[in-house]
């Protein structure tokens, strides 16, 4: 039983590494979808996605990323996710600026 659990954890690690190391947009999206499918996560459930991903992916490389994101998310400007309550936002573009904006808005819990 323990061996099967270790195999699942190790496969999640492989998929996370593949996601992080992807060099194209298509490769990144494919690796992300494979990771989500393997961990049985639904990315469209954006309000709880990060917390579910964090709880299912117990990998030292991922933990380093979680620590950075959690530190950023606990900044006083975010007011514990209440700084922009009842606000909606549309992000156009998924380059570095769009991704950064999406991460910051997720800390504000904007829909």
PDB file of N, CA and C in Angstrom:
ATOM      1  N   UNK A   1       0.829  -1.193   0.000  1.00  0.00           N
ATOM      2  CA  UNK A   1       0.000   0.000   0.000  1.00  0.00           C
ATOM      3  C   UNK A   1       0.870   1.252   0.000  1.00  0.00           C
ATOM      4  N   UNK A   2       1.884   1.276   0.856  1.00  0.00           N
ATOM      5  CA  UNK A   2       2.765   2.447   0.952  1.00  0.00           C
ATOM      6  C   UNK A   2       3.505   2.671  -0.365  1.00  0.00           C
ATOM      7  N   UNK A   3       3.901   1.581  -1.023  1.00  0.00           N
ATOM      8  CA  UNK A   3       4.628   1.700  -2.285  1.00  0.00           C
ATOM      9  C   UNK A   3       3.773   2.388  -3.348  1.00  0.00           C
ATOM     10  N   UNK A   4       2.502   2.047  -3.435  1.00  0.00           N
ATOM     11  CA  UNK A   4       1.598   2.688  -4.388  1.00  0.00           C
ATOM     12  C   UNK A   4       1.458   4.169  -4.131  1.00  0.00           C
ATOM     13  N   UNK A   5       1.408   4.545  -2.862  1.00  0.00           N
ATOM     14  CA  UNK A   5       1.310   5.963  -2.495  1.00  0.00           C
ATOM     15  C   UNK A   5       2.575   6.704  -2.910  1.00  0.00           C
ATOM     16  N   UNK A   6       3.749   6.097  -2.677  1.00  0.00           N
ATOM     17  CA  UNK A   6       5.018   6.714  -3.066  1.00  0.00           C
ATOM     18  C   UNK A   6       5.111   6.893  -4.578  1.00  0.00           C
ATOM     19  N   UNK A   7       4.623   5.897  -5.338  1.00  0.00           N
ATOM     20  CA  UNK A   7       4.632   6.010  -6.790  1.00  0.00           C
ATOM     21  C   UNK A   7       3.776   7.185  -7.239  1.00  0.00           C
ATOM     22  N   UNK A   8       2.615   7.366  -6.606  1.00  0.00           N
ATOM     23  CA  UNK A   8       1.733   8.470  -6.969  1.00  0.00           C
ATOM     24  C   UNK A   8       2.393   9.801  -6.641  1.00  0.00           C
ATOM     25  N   UNK A   9       3.015   9.892  -5.479  1.00  0.00           N
ATOM     26  CA  UNK A   9       3.701  11.121  -5.090  1.00  0.00           C
ATOM     27  C   UNK A   9       4.836  11.401  -6.060  1.00  0.00           C
ATOM     28  N   UNK A  10       5.636  10.388  -6.364  1.00  0.00           N
ATOM     29  CA  UNK A  10       6.760  10.576  -7.273  1.00  0.00           C
ATOM     30  C   UNK A  10       6.295  10.978  -8.664  1.00  0.00           C
ATOM     31  N   UNK A  11       5.200  10.418  -9.142  1.00  0.00           N
ATOM     32  CA  UNK A  11       4.662  10.801 -10.451  1.00  0.00           C
ATOM     33  C   UNK A  11       4.206  12.259 -10.425  1.00  0.00           C
ATOM     34  N   UNK A  12       3.622  12.700  -9.329  1.00  0.00           N
ATOM     35  CA  UNK A  12       3.229  14.104  -9.200  1.00  0.00           C
ATOM     36  C   UNK A  12       4.459  15.000  -9.258  1.00  0.00           C
ATOM     37  N   UNK A  13       5.551  14.566  -8.666  1.00  0.00           N
ATOM     38  CA  UNK A  13       6.798  15.336  -8.699  1.00  0.00           C
ATOM     39  C   UNK A  13       7.315  15.449 -10.134  1.00  0.00           C
ATOM     40  N   UNK A  14       7.273  14.342 -10.852  1.00  0.00           N
ATOM     41  CA  UNK A  14       7.717  14.332 -12.249  1.00  0.00           C
ATOM     42  C   UNK A  14       6.864  15.298 -13.072  1.00  0.00           C
ATOM     43  N   UNK A  15       5.565  15.259 -12.869  1.00  0.00           N
ATOM     44  CA  UNK A  15       4.665  16.135 -13.618  1.00  0.00           C
ATOM     45  C   UNK A  15       4.868  17.602 -13.253  1.00  0.00           C
ATOM     46  N   UNK A  16       5.132  17.880 -11.980  1.00  0.00           N
ATOM     47  CA  UNK A  16       5.407  19.259 -11.563  1.00  0.00           C
ATOM     48  C   UNK A  16       6.692  19.753 -12.223  1.00  0.00           C
ATOM     49  N   UNK A  17       7.724  18.926 -12.211  1.00  0.00           N
ATOM     50  CA  UNK A  17       8.987  19.302 -12.854  1.00  0.00           C
ATOM     51  C   UNK A  17       8.782  19.554 -14.347  1.00  0.00           C
ATOM     52  N   UNK A  18       7.995  18.713 -14.986  1.00  0.00           N
ATOM     53  CA  UNK A  18       7.711  18.878 -16.412  1.00  0.00           C
ATOM     54  C   UNK A  18       7.000  20.215 -16.655  1.00  0.00           C
ATOM     55  N   UNK A  19       6.071  20.561 -15.778  1.00  0.00           N
ATOM     56  CA  UNK A  19       5.353  21.838 -15.880  1.00  0.00           C
ATOM     57  C   UNK A  19       6.318  23.016 -15.734  1.00  0.00           C
ATOM     58  N   UNK A  20       7.149  22.976 -14.719  1.00  0.00           N
ATOM     59  CA  UNK A  20       8.084  24.074 -14.450  1.00  0.00           C
ATOM     60  C   UNK A  20       9.106  24.220 -15.578  1.00  0.00           C
ATOM     61  N   UNK A  21       9.523  23.108 -16.157  1.00  0.00           N
ATOM     62  CA  UNK A  21      10.579  23.139 -17.170  1.00  0.00           C
ATOM     63  C   UNK A  21      10.067  23.303 -18.597  1.00  0.00           C
ATOM     64  N   UNK A  22       8.766  23.357 -18.776  1.00  0.00           N
ATOM     65  CA  UNK A  22       8.219  23.503 -20.128  1.00  0.00           C
ATOM     66  C   UNK A  22       8.745  24.786 -20.769  1.00  0.00           C
ATOM     67  N   UNK A  23       9.057  24.702 -22.046  1.00  0.00           N
ATOM     68  CA  UNK A  23       9.684  25.849 -22.715  1.00  0.00           C
ATOM     69  C   UNK A  23       8.768  26.551 -23.716  1.00  0.00           C
ATOM     70  N   UNK A  24       7.580  26.010 -23.921  1.00  0.00           N
ATOM     71  CA  UNK A  24       6.632  26.654 -24.831  1.00  0.00           C
ATOM     72  C   UNK A  24       5.297  26.822 -24.120  1.00  0.00           C
ATOM     73  N   UNK A  25       4.489  27.704 -24.640  1.00  0.00           N
ATOM     74  CA  UNK A  25       3.155  27.902 -24.061  1.00  0.00           C
ATOM     75  C   UNK A  25       2.347  26.606 -24.151  1.00  0.00           C
ATOM     76  N   UNK A  26       2.392  25.972 -25.321  1.00  0.00           N
ATOM     77  CA  UNK A  26       1.662  24.718 -25.517  1.00  0.00           C
ATOM     78  C   UNK A  26       2.150  23.644 -24.547  1.00  0.00           C
ATOM     79  N   UNK A  27       3.458  23.541 -24.391  1.00  0.00           N
ATOM     80  CA  UNK A  27       4.031  22.563 -23.469  1.00  0.00           C
ATOM     81  C   UNK A  27       3.657  22.845 -22.023  1.00  0.00           C
ATOM     82  N   UNK A  28       3.638  24.119 -21.657  1.00  0.00           N
ATOM     83  CA  UNK A  28       3.265  24.514 -20.298  1.00  0.00           C
ATOM     84  C   UNK A  28       1.814  24.158 -20.017  1.00  0.00           C
ATOM     85  N   UNK A  29       0.931  24.499 -20.950  1.00  0.00           N
ATOM     86  CA  UNK A  29      -0.493  24.189 -20.772  1.00  0.00           C
ATOM     87  C   UNK A  29      -0.729  22.684 -20.688  1.00  0.00           C
ATOM     88  N   UNK A  30      -0.054  21.924 -21.543  1.00  0.00           N
ATOM     89  CA  UNK A  30      -0.209  20.463 -21.534  1.00  0.00           C
ATOM     90  C   UNK A  30       0.284  19.877 -20.214  1.00  0.00           C
ATOM     91  N   UNK A  31       1.455  20.323 -19.765  1.00  0.00           N
ATOM     92  CA  UNK A  31       2.014  19.808 -18.512  1.00  0.00           C
ATOM     93  C   UNK A  31       1.137  20.185 -17.324  1.00  0.00           C
ATOM     94  N   UNK A  32       0.611  21.397 -17.334  1.00  0.00           N
ATOM     95  CA  UNK A  32      -0.274  21.840 -16.258  1.00  0.00           C
ATOM     96  C   UNK A  32      -1.541  20.988 -16.223  1.00  0.00           C
ATOM     97  N   UNK A  33      -2.126  20.732 -17.395  1.00  0.00           N
ATOM     98  CA  UNK A  33      -3.335  19.916 -17.460  1.00  0.00           C
ATOM     99  C   UNK A  33      -3.057  18.490 -16.995  1.00  0.00           C
ATOM    100  N   UNK A  34      -1.914  17.933 -17.375  1.00  0.00           N
ATOM    101  CA  UNK A  34      -1.551  16.580 -16.935  1.00  0.00           C
ATOM    102  C   UNK A  34      -1.389  16.530 -15.418  1.00  0.00           C
ATOM    103  N   UNK A  35      -0.755  17.548 -14.856  1.00  0.00           N
ATOM    104  CA  UNK A  35      -0.581  17.609 -13.402  1.00  0.00           C
ATOM    105  C   UNK A  35      -1.937  17.697 -12.709  1.00  0.00           C
ATOM    106  N   UNK A  36      -2.797  18.569 -13.205  1.00  0.00           N
ATOM    107  CA  UNK A  36      -4.132  18.717 -12.607  1.00  0.00           C
ATOM    108  C   UNK A  36      -4.937  17.430 -12.727  1.00  0.00           C
ATOM    109  N   UNK A  37      -4.894  16.805 -13.903  1.00  0.00           N
ATOM    110  CA  UNK A  37      -5.622  15.545 -14.098  1.00  0.00           C
ATOM    111  C   UNK A  37      -5.115  14.479 -13.137  1.00  0.00           C
ATOM    112  N   UNK A  38      -3.812  14.368 -13.005  1.00  0.00           N
ATOM    113  CA  UNK A  38      -3.220  13.355 -12.140  1.00  0.00           C
ATOM    114  C   UNK A  38      -3.614  13.569 -10.680  1.00  0.00           C
ATOM    115  N   UNK A  39      -3.635  14.836 -10.262  1.00  0.00           N
ATOM    116  CA  UNK A  39      -3.984  15.157  -8.873  1.00  0.00           C
ATOM    117  C   UNK A  39      -5.494  15.297  -8.667  1.00  0.00           C
ATOM    118  N   UNK A  40      -6.249  15.094  -9.747  1.00  0.00           N
ATOM    119  CA  UNK A  40      -7.710  15.197  -9.711  1.00  0.00           C
ATOM    120  C   UNK A  40      -8.156  16.576  -9.229  1.00  0.00           C
ATOM    121  N   UNK A  41      -7.581  17.602  -9.849  1.00  0.00           N
ATOM    122  CA  UNK A  41      -7.901  18.992  -9.527  1.00  0.00           C
ATOM    123  C   UNK A  41      -8.591  19.648 -10.711  1.00  0.00           C
ATOM    124  N   UNK A  42      -9.485  20.568 -10.408  1.00  0.00           N
ATOM    125  CA  UNK A  42     -10.183  21.319 -11.437  1.00  0.00           C
ATOM    126  C   UNK A  42      -9.730  22.779 -11.371  1.00  0.00           C
ATOM    127  N   UNK A  43      -8.897  23.209 -12.321  1.00  0.00           N
ATOM    128  CA  UNK A  43      -8.377  24.580 -12.285  1.00  0.00           C
ATOM    129  C   UNK A  43      -9.466  25.645 -12.365  1.00  0.00           C
ATOM    130  N   UNK A  44     -10.621  25.307 -12.914  1.00  0.00           N
ATOM    131  CA  UNK A  44     -11.698  26.302 -13.024  1.00  0.00           C
ATOM    132  C   UNK A  44     -12.285  26.656 -11.668  1.00  0.00           C
ATOM    133  N   UNK A  45     -12.028  25.833 -10.670  1.00  0.00           N
ATOM    134  CA  UNK A  45     -12.451  26.132  -9.297  1.00  0.00           C
ATOM    135  C   UNK A  45     -11.387  27.042  -8.684  1.00  0.00           C
ATOM    136  N   UNK A  46     -11.262  28.245  -9.260  1.00  0.00           N
ATOM    137  CA  UNK A  46     -10.123  29.111  -8.944  1.00  0.00           C
ATOM    138  C   UNK A  46     -10.088  29.601  -7.504  1.00  0.00           C
ATOM    139  N   UNK A  47     -11.208  29.680  -6.837  1.00  0.00           N
ATOM    140  CA  UNK A  47     -11.205  30.200  -5.463  1.00  0.00           C
ATOM    141  C   UNK A  47     -10.510  29.252  -4.485  1.00  0.00           C
ATOM    142  N   UNK A  48     -10.568  27.961  -4.752  1.00  0.00           N
ATOM    143  CA  UNK A  48      -9.925  27.007  -3.841  1.00  0.00           C
ATOM    144  C   UNK A  48      -8.793  26.223  -4.509  1.00  0.00           C
ATOM    145  N   UNK A  49      -8.516  26.528  -5.773  1.00  0.00           N
ATOM    146  CA  UNK A  49      -7.529  25.743  -6.517  1.00  0.00           C
ATOM    147  C   UNK A  49      -6.153  25.742  -5.851  1.00  0.00           C
ATOM    148  N   UNK A  50      -5.652  26.905  -5.500  1.00  0.00           N
ATOM    149  CA  UNK A  50      -4.308  26.988  -4.920  1.00  0.00           C
ATOM    150  C   UNK A  50      -4.202  26.148  -3.655  1.00  0.00           C
ATOM    151  N   UNK A  51      -5.182  26.255  -2.781  1.00  0.00           N
ATOM    152  CA  UNK A  51      -5.133  25.517  -1.512  1.00  0.00           C
ATOM    153  C   UNK A  51      -5.208  24.008  -1.746  1.00  0.00           C
ATOM    154  N   UNK A  52      -6.015  23.591  -2.712  1.00  0.00           N
ATOM    155  CA  UNK A  52      -6.110  22.162  -3.024  1.00  0.00           C
ATOM    156  C   UNK A  52      -4.820  21.650  -3.660  1.00  0.00           C
ATOM    157  N   UNK A  53      -4.267  22.430  -4.581  1.00  0.00           N
ATOM    158  CA  UNK A  53      -3.004  22.043  -5.208  1.00  0.00           C
ATOM    159  C   UNK A  53      -1.904  21.938  -4.164  1.00  0.00           C
ATOM    160  N   UNK A  54      -1.860  22.920  -3.294  1.00  0.00           N
ATOM    161  CA  UNK A  54      -0.843  22.951  -2.238  1.00  0.00           C
ATOM    162  C   UNK A  54      -0.961  21.730  -1.317  1.00  0.00           C
ATOM    163  N   UNK A  55      -2.170  21.326  -1.003  1.00  0.00           N
ATOM    164  CA  UNK A  55      -2.347  20.184  -0.101  1.00  0.00           C
ATOM    165  C   UNK A  55      -2.047  18.849  -0.785  1.00  0.00           C
ATOM    166  N   UNK A  56      -2.240  18.777  -2.099  1.00  0.00           N
ATOM    167  CA  UNK A  56      -2.015  17.512  -2.805  1.00  0.00           C
ATOM    168  C   UNK A  56      -0.592  17.349  -3.332  1.00  0.00           C
ATOM    169  N   UNK A  57       0.127  18.448  -3.491  1.00  0.00           N
ATOM    170  CA  UNK A  57       1.470  18.377  -4.053  1.00  0.00           C
ATOM    171  C   UNK A  57       2.486  18.692  -2.967  1.00  0.00           C
ATOM    172  N   UNK A  58       2.919  17.639  -2.296  1.00  0.00           N
ATOM    173  CA  UNK A  58       3.840  17.759  -1.170  1.00  0.00           C
ATOM    174  C   UNK A  58       5.253  17.433  -1.658  1.00  0.00           C
ATOM    175  N   UNK A  59       5.837  18.380  -2.358  1.00  0.00           N
ATOM    176  CA  UNK A  59       7.128  18.193  -3.025  1.00  0.00           C
ATOM    177  C   UNK A  59       8.007  19.377  -2.657  1.00  0.00           C
ATOM    178  N   UNK A  60       9.269  19.133  -2.334  1.00  0.00           N
ATOM    179  CA  UNK A  60      10.113  20.216  -1.829  1.00  0.00           C
ATOM    180  C   UNK A  60      10.236  21.367  -2.822  1.00  0.00           C
ATOM    181  N   UNK A  61      10.265  21.071  -4.109  1.00  0.00           N
ATOM    182  CA  UNK A  61      10.354  22.155  -5.096  1.00  0.00           C
ATOM    183  C   UNK A  61       9.069  22.981  -5.101  1.00  0.00           C
ATOM    184  N   UNK A  62       7.949  22.304  -4.990  1.00  0.00           N
ATOM    185  CA  UNK A  62       6.669  23.018  -4.938  1.00  0.00           C
ATOM    186  C   UNK A  62       6.549  23.795  -3.632  1.00  0.00           C
ATOM    187  N   UNK A  63       7.027  23.203  -2.537  1.00  0.00           N
ATOM    188  CA  UNK A  63       6.958  23.890  -1.238  1.00  0.00           C
ATOM    189  C   UNK A  63       7.729  25.203  -1.257  1.00  0.00           C
ATOM    190  N   UNK A  64       8.836  25.250  -1.985  1.00  0.00           N
ATOM    191  CA  UNK A  64       9.602  26.497  -2.100  1.00  0.00           C
ATOM    192  C   UNK A  64       8.762  27.565  -2.805  1.00  0.00           C
ATOM    193  N   UNK A  65       8.028  27.154  -3.825  1.00  0.00           N
ATOM    194  CA  UNK A  65       7.138  28.086  -4.525  1.00  0.00           C
ATOM    195  C   UNK A  65       5.989  28.509  -3.623  1.00  0.00           C
ATOM    196  N   UNK A  66       5.386  27.550  -2.906  1.00  0.00           N
ATOM    197  CA  UNK A  66       4.267  27.876  -2.002  1.00  0.00           C
ATOM    198  C   UNK A  66       4.722  28.899  -0.960  1.00  0.00           C
ATOM    199  N   UNK A  67       5.925  28.714  -0.422  1.00  0.00           N
ATOM    200  CA  UNK A  67       6.432  29.638   0.604  1.00  0.00           C
ATOM    201  C   UNK A  67       6.524  31.061   0.055  1.00  0.00           C
ATOM    202  N   UNK A  68       7.013  31.196  -1.166  1.00  0.00           N
ATOM    203  CA  UNK A  68       7.115  32.526  -1.779  1.00  0.00           C
ATOM    204  C   UNK A  68       5.740  33.124  -2.032  1.00  0.00           C
ATOM    205  N   UNK A  69       4.829  32.317  -2.548  1.00  0.00           N
ATOM    206  CA  UNK A  69       3.478  32.822  -2.816  1.00  0.00           C
ATOM    207  C   UNK A  69       2.749  33.173  -1.524  1.00  0.00           C
ATOM    208  N   UNK A  70       2.896  32.334  -0.506  1.00  0.00           N
ATOM    209  CA  UNK A  70       2.235  32.606   0.777  1.00  0.00           C
ATOM    210  C   UNK A  70       2.780  33.875   1.423  1.00  0.00           C
ATOM    211  N   UNK A  71       4.083  34.069   1.317  1.00  0.00           N
ATOM    212  CA  UNK A  71       4.681  35.286   1.878  1.00  0.00           C
ATOM    213  C   UNK A  71       4.118  36.511   1.165  1.00  0.00           C
ATOM    214  N   UNK A  72       4.050  36.429  -0.142  1.00  0.00           N
ATOM    215  CA  UNK A  72       3.500  37.545  -0.925  1.00  0.00           C
ATOM    216  C   UNK A  72       2.025  37.766  -0.586  1.00  0.00           C
ATOM    217  N   UNK A  73       1.269  36.689  -0.491  1.00  0.00           N
ATOM    218  CA  UNK A  73      -0.163  36.788  -0.213  1.00  0.00           C
ATOM    219  C   UNK A  73      -0.488  37.318   1.164  1.00  0.00           C
ATOM    220  N   UNK A  74       0.450  37.210   2.095  1.00  0.00           N
ATOM    221  CA  UNK A  74       0.191  37.694   3.455  1.00  0.00           C
ATOM    222  C   UNK A  74       0.550  39.171   3.627  1.00  0.00           C
ATOM    223  N   UNK A  75       0.975  39.818   2.548  1.00  0.00           N
ATOM    224  CA  UNK A  75       1.325  41.238   2.620  1.00  0.00           C
ATOM    225  C   UNK A  75       0.106  42.057   3.048  1.00  0.00           C
ATOM    226  N   UNK A  76       0.337  43.076   3.843  1.00  0.00           N
ATOM    227  CA  UNK A  76      -0.761  43.871   4.409  1.00  0.00           C
ATOM    228  C   UNK A  76      -1.630  44.539   3.345  1.00  0.00           C
ATOM    229  N   UNK A  77      -1.070  44.832   2.166  1.00  0.00           N
ATOM    230  CA  UNK A  77      -1.857  45.485   1.118  1.00  0.00           C
ATOM    231  C   UNK A  77      -3.025  44.632   0.634  1.00  0.00           C
ATOM    232  N   UNK A  78      -2.908  43.321   0.779  1.00  0.00           N
ATOM    233  CA  UNK A  78      -3.975  42.437   0.316  1.00  0.00           C
ATOM    234  C   UNK A  78      -5.137  42.351   1.303  1.00  0.00           C
ATOM    235  N   UNK A  79      -4.931  42.822   2.509  1.00  0.00           N
ATOM    236  CA  UNK A  79      -5.977  42.862   3.547  1.00  0.00           C
ATOM    237  C   UNK A  79      -6.723  41.529   3.659  1.00  0.00           C
ATOM    238  N   UNK A  80      -5.936  40.455   3.705  1.00  0.00           N
ATOM    239  CA  UNK A  80      -6.476  39.095   3.853  1.00  0.00           C
ATOM    240  C   UNK A  80      -7.537  38.774   2.795  1.00  0.00           C
ATOM    241  N   UNK A  81      -7.307  39.244   1.573  1.00  0.00           N
ATOM    242  CA  UNK A  81      -8.223  38.951   0.471  1.00  0.00           C
ATOM    243  C   UNK A  81      -9.441  39.845   0.414  1.00  0.00           C
ATOM    244  N   UNK A  82      -9.488  40.880   1.224  1.00  0.00           N
ATOM    245  CA  UNK A  82     -10.676  41.730   1.280  1.00  0.00           C
ATOM    246  C   UNK A  82     -10.443  43.120   0.664  1.00  0.00           C
ATOM    247  N   UNK A  83      -9.260  43.380   0.149  1.00  0.00           N
ATOM    248  CA  UNK A  83      -8.931  44.722  -0.355  1.00  0.00           C
ATOM    249  C   UNK A  83      -9.817  45.145  -1.525  1.00  0.00           C
ATOM    250  N   UNK A  84     -10.234  44.212  -2.325  1.00  0.00           N
ATOM    251  CA  UNK A  84     -11.050  44.545  -3.502  1.00  0.00           C
ATOM    252  C   UNK A  84     -12.305  43.683  -3.560  1.00  0.00           C
ATOM    253  N   UNK A  85     -12.970  43.570  -2.442  1.00  0.00           N
ATOM    254  CA  UNK A  85     -14.180  42.740  -2.375  1.00  0.00           C
ATOM    255  C   UNK A  85     -15.200  43.209  -3.409  1.00  0.00           C
ATOM    256  N   UNK A  86     -15.917  42.270  -3.986  1.00  0.00           N
ATOM    257  CA  UNK A  86     -16.967  42.534  -4.975  1.00  0.00           C
ATOM    258  C   UNK A  86     -16.442  43.226  -6.229  1.00  0.00           C
ATOM    259  N   UNK A  87     -15.218  42.932  -6.601  1.00  0.00           N
ATOM    260  CA  UNK A  87     -14.609  43.512  -7.795  1.00  0.00           C
ATOM    261  C   UNK A  87     -14.344  42.400  -8.799  1.00  0.00           C
ATOM    262  N   UNK A  88     -14.559  42.694 -10.067  1.00  0.00           N
ATOM    263  CA  UNK A  88     -14.260  41.734 -11.126  1.00  0.00           C
ATOM    264  C   UNK A  88     -13.195  42.334 -12.028  1.00  0.00           C
ATOM    265  N   UNK A  89     -12.399  41.463 -12.629  1.00  0.00           N
ATOM    266  CA  UNK A  89     -11.308  41.931 -13.480  1.00  0.00           C
ATOM    267  C   UNK A  89     -11.117  40.956 -14.637  1.00  0.00           C
ATOM    268  N   UNK A  90     -10.794  41.490 -15.794  1.00  0.00           N
ATOM    269  CA  UNK A  90     -10.475  40.678 -16.966  1.00  0.00           C
ATOM    270  C   UNK A  90      -9.028  40.956 -17.338  1.00  0.00           C
ATOM    271  N   UNK A  91      -8.241  39.907 -17.442  1.00  0.00           N
ATOM    272  CA  UNK A  91      -6.832  40.047 -17.822  1.00  0.00           C
ATOM    273  C   UNK A  91      -6.703  39.619 -19.278  1.00  0.00           C
ATOM    274  N   UNK A  92      -6.122  40.492 -20.082  1.00  0.00           N
ATOM    275  CA  UNK A  92      -5.900  40.180 -21.489  1.00  0.00           C
ATOM    276  C   UNK A  92      -4.407  39.943 -21.656  1.00  0.00           C
ATOM    277  N   UNK A  93      -4.064  38.723 -22.024  1.00  0.00           N
ATOM    278  CA  UNK A  93      -2.655  38.377 -22.202  1.00  0.00           C
ATOM    279  C   UNK A  93      -2.179  37.463 -21.093  1.00  0.00           C
ATOM    280  N   UNK A  94      -1.281  36.569 -21.446  1.00  0.00           N
ATOM    281  CA  UNK A  94      -0.760  35.618 -20.466  1.00  0.00           C
ATOM    282  C   UNK A  94       0.757  35.609 -20.475  1.00  0.00           C
ATOM    283  N   UNK A  95       1.329  36.741 -20.799  1.00  0.00           N
ATOM    284  CA  UNK A  95       2.780  36.865 -20.713  1.00  0.00           C
ATOM    285  C   UNK A  95       3.170  37.102 -19.269  1.00  0.00           C
ATOM    286  N   UNK A  96       4.398  37.483 -19.028  1.00  0.00           N
ATOM    287  CA  UNK A  96       4.857  37.711 -17.647  1.00  0.00           C
ATOM    288  C   UNK A  96       4.000  38.726 -16.888  1.00  0.00           C
ATOM    289  N   UNK A  97       3.592  39.797 -17.564  1.00  0.00           N
ATOM    290  CA  UNK A  97       2.776  40.818 -16.880  1.00  0.00           C
ATOM    291  C   UNK A  97       1.374  40.301 -16.576  1.00  0.00           C
ATOM    292  N   UNK A  98       0.777  39.600 -17.539  1.00  0.00           N
ATOM    293  CA  UNK A  98      -0.557  39.046 -17.322  1.00  0.00           C
ATOM    294  C   UNK A  98      -0.569  38.008 -16.219  1.00  0.00           C
ATOM    295  N   UNK A  99       0.449  37.146 -16.205  1.00  0.00           N
ATOM    296  CA  UNK A  99       0.528  36.130 -15.150  1.00  0.00           C
ATOM    297  C   UNK A  99       0.740  36.769 -13.785  1.00  0.00           C
ATOM    298  N   UNK A 100       1.606  37.756 -13.730  1.00  0.00           N
ATOM    299  CA  UNK A 100       1.856  38.454 -12.458  1.00  0.00           C
ATOM    300  C   UNK A 100       0.573  39.121 -11.966  1.00  0.00           C
ATOM    301  N   UNK A 101      -0.148  39.744 -12.875  1.00  0.00           N
ATOM    302  CA  UNK A 101      -1.415  40.384 -12.516  1.00  0.00           C
ATOM    303  C   UNK A 101      -2.413  39.348 -12.012  1.00  0.00           C
ATOM    304  N   UNK A 102      -2.490  38.211 -12.683  1.00  0.00           N
ATOM    305  CA  UNK A 102      -3.418  37.156 -12.264  1.00  0.00           C
ATOM    306  C   UNK A 102      -3.084  36.648 -10.867  1.00  0.00           C
ATOM    307  N   UNK A 103      -1.809  36.482 -10.574  1.00  0.00           N
ATOM    308  CA  UNK A 103      -1.401  36.019  -9.241  1.00  0.00           C
ATOM    309  C   UNK A 103      -1.765  37.059  -8.191  1.00  0.00           C
ATOM    310  N   UNK A 104      -1.450  38.319  -8.463  1.00  0.00           N
ATOM    311  CA  UNK A 104      -1.788  39.376  -7.500  1.00  0.00           C
ATOM    312  C   UNK A 104      -3.297  39.472  -7.283  1.00  0.00           C
ATOM    313  N   UNK A 105      -4.068  39.377  -8.356  1.00  0.00           N
ATOM    314  CA  UNK A 105      -5.523  39.453  -8.211  1.00  0.00           C
ATOM    315  C   UNK A 105      -6.076  38.256  -7.447  1.00  0.00           C
ATOM    316  N   UNK A 106      -5.428  37.106  -7.584  1.00  0.00           N
ATOM    317  CA  UNK A 106      -5.902  35.943  -6.827  1.00  0.00           C
ATOM    318  C   UNK A 106      -5.716  36.155  -5.330  1.00  0.00           C
ATOM    319  N   UNK A 107      -4.662  36.875  -4.947  1.00  0.00           N
ATOM    320  CA  UNK A 107      -4.467  37.185  -3.528  1.00  0.00           C
ATOM    321  C   UNK A 107      -5.543  38.139  -3.023  1.00  0.00           C
ATOM    322  N   UNK A 108      -6.092  38.924  -3.939  1.00  0.00           N
ATOM    323  CA  UNK A 108      -7.159  39.857  -3.573  1.00  0.00           C
ATOM    324  C   UNK A 108      -8.529  39.183  -3.662  1.00  0.00           C
ATOM    325  N   UNK A 109      -8.536  37.941  -4.138  1.00  0.00           N
ATOM    326  CA  UNK A 109      -9.753  37.149  -4.326  1.00  0.00           C
ATOM    327  C   UNK A 109     -10.744  37.860  -5.229  1.00  0.00           C
ATOM    328  N   UNK A 110     -10.221  38.391  -6.322  1.00  0.00           N
ATOM    329  CA  UNK A 110     -11.053  39.054  -7.324  1.00  0.00           C
ATOM    330  C   UNK A 110     -11.512  38.014  -8.329  1.00  0.00           C
ATOM    331  N   UNK A 111     -12.768  38.088  -8.711  1.00  0.00           N
ATOM    332  CA  UNK A 111     -13.325  37.147  -9.684  1.00  0.00           C
ATOM    333  C   UNK A 111     -13.108  37.583 -11.094  1.00  0.00           C
TER     334      UNK A 111
END
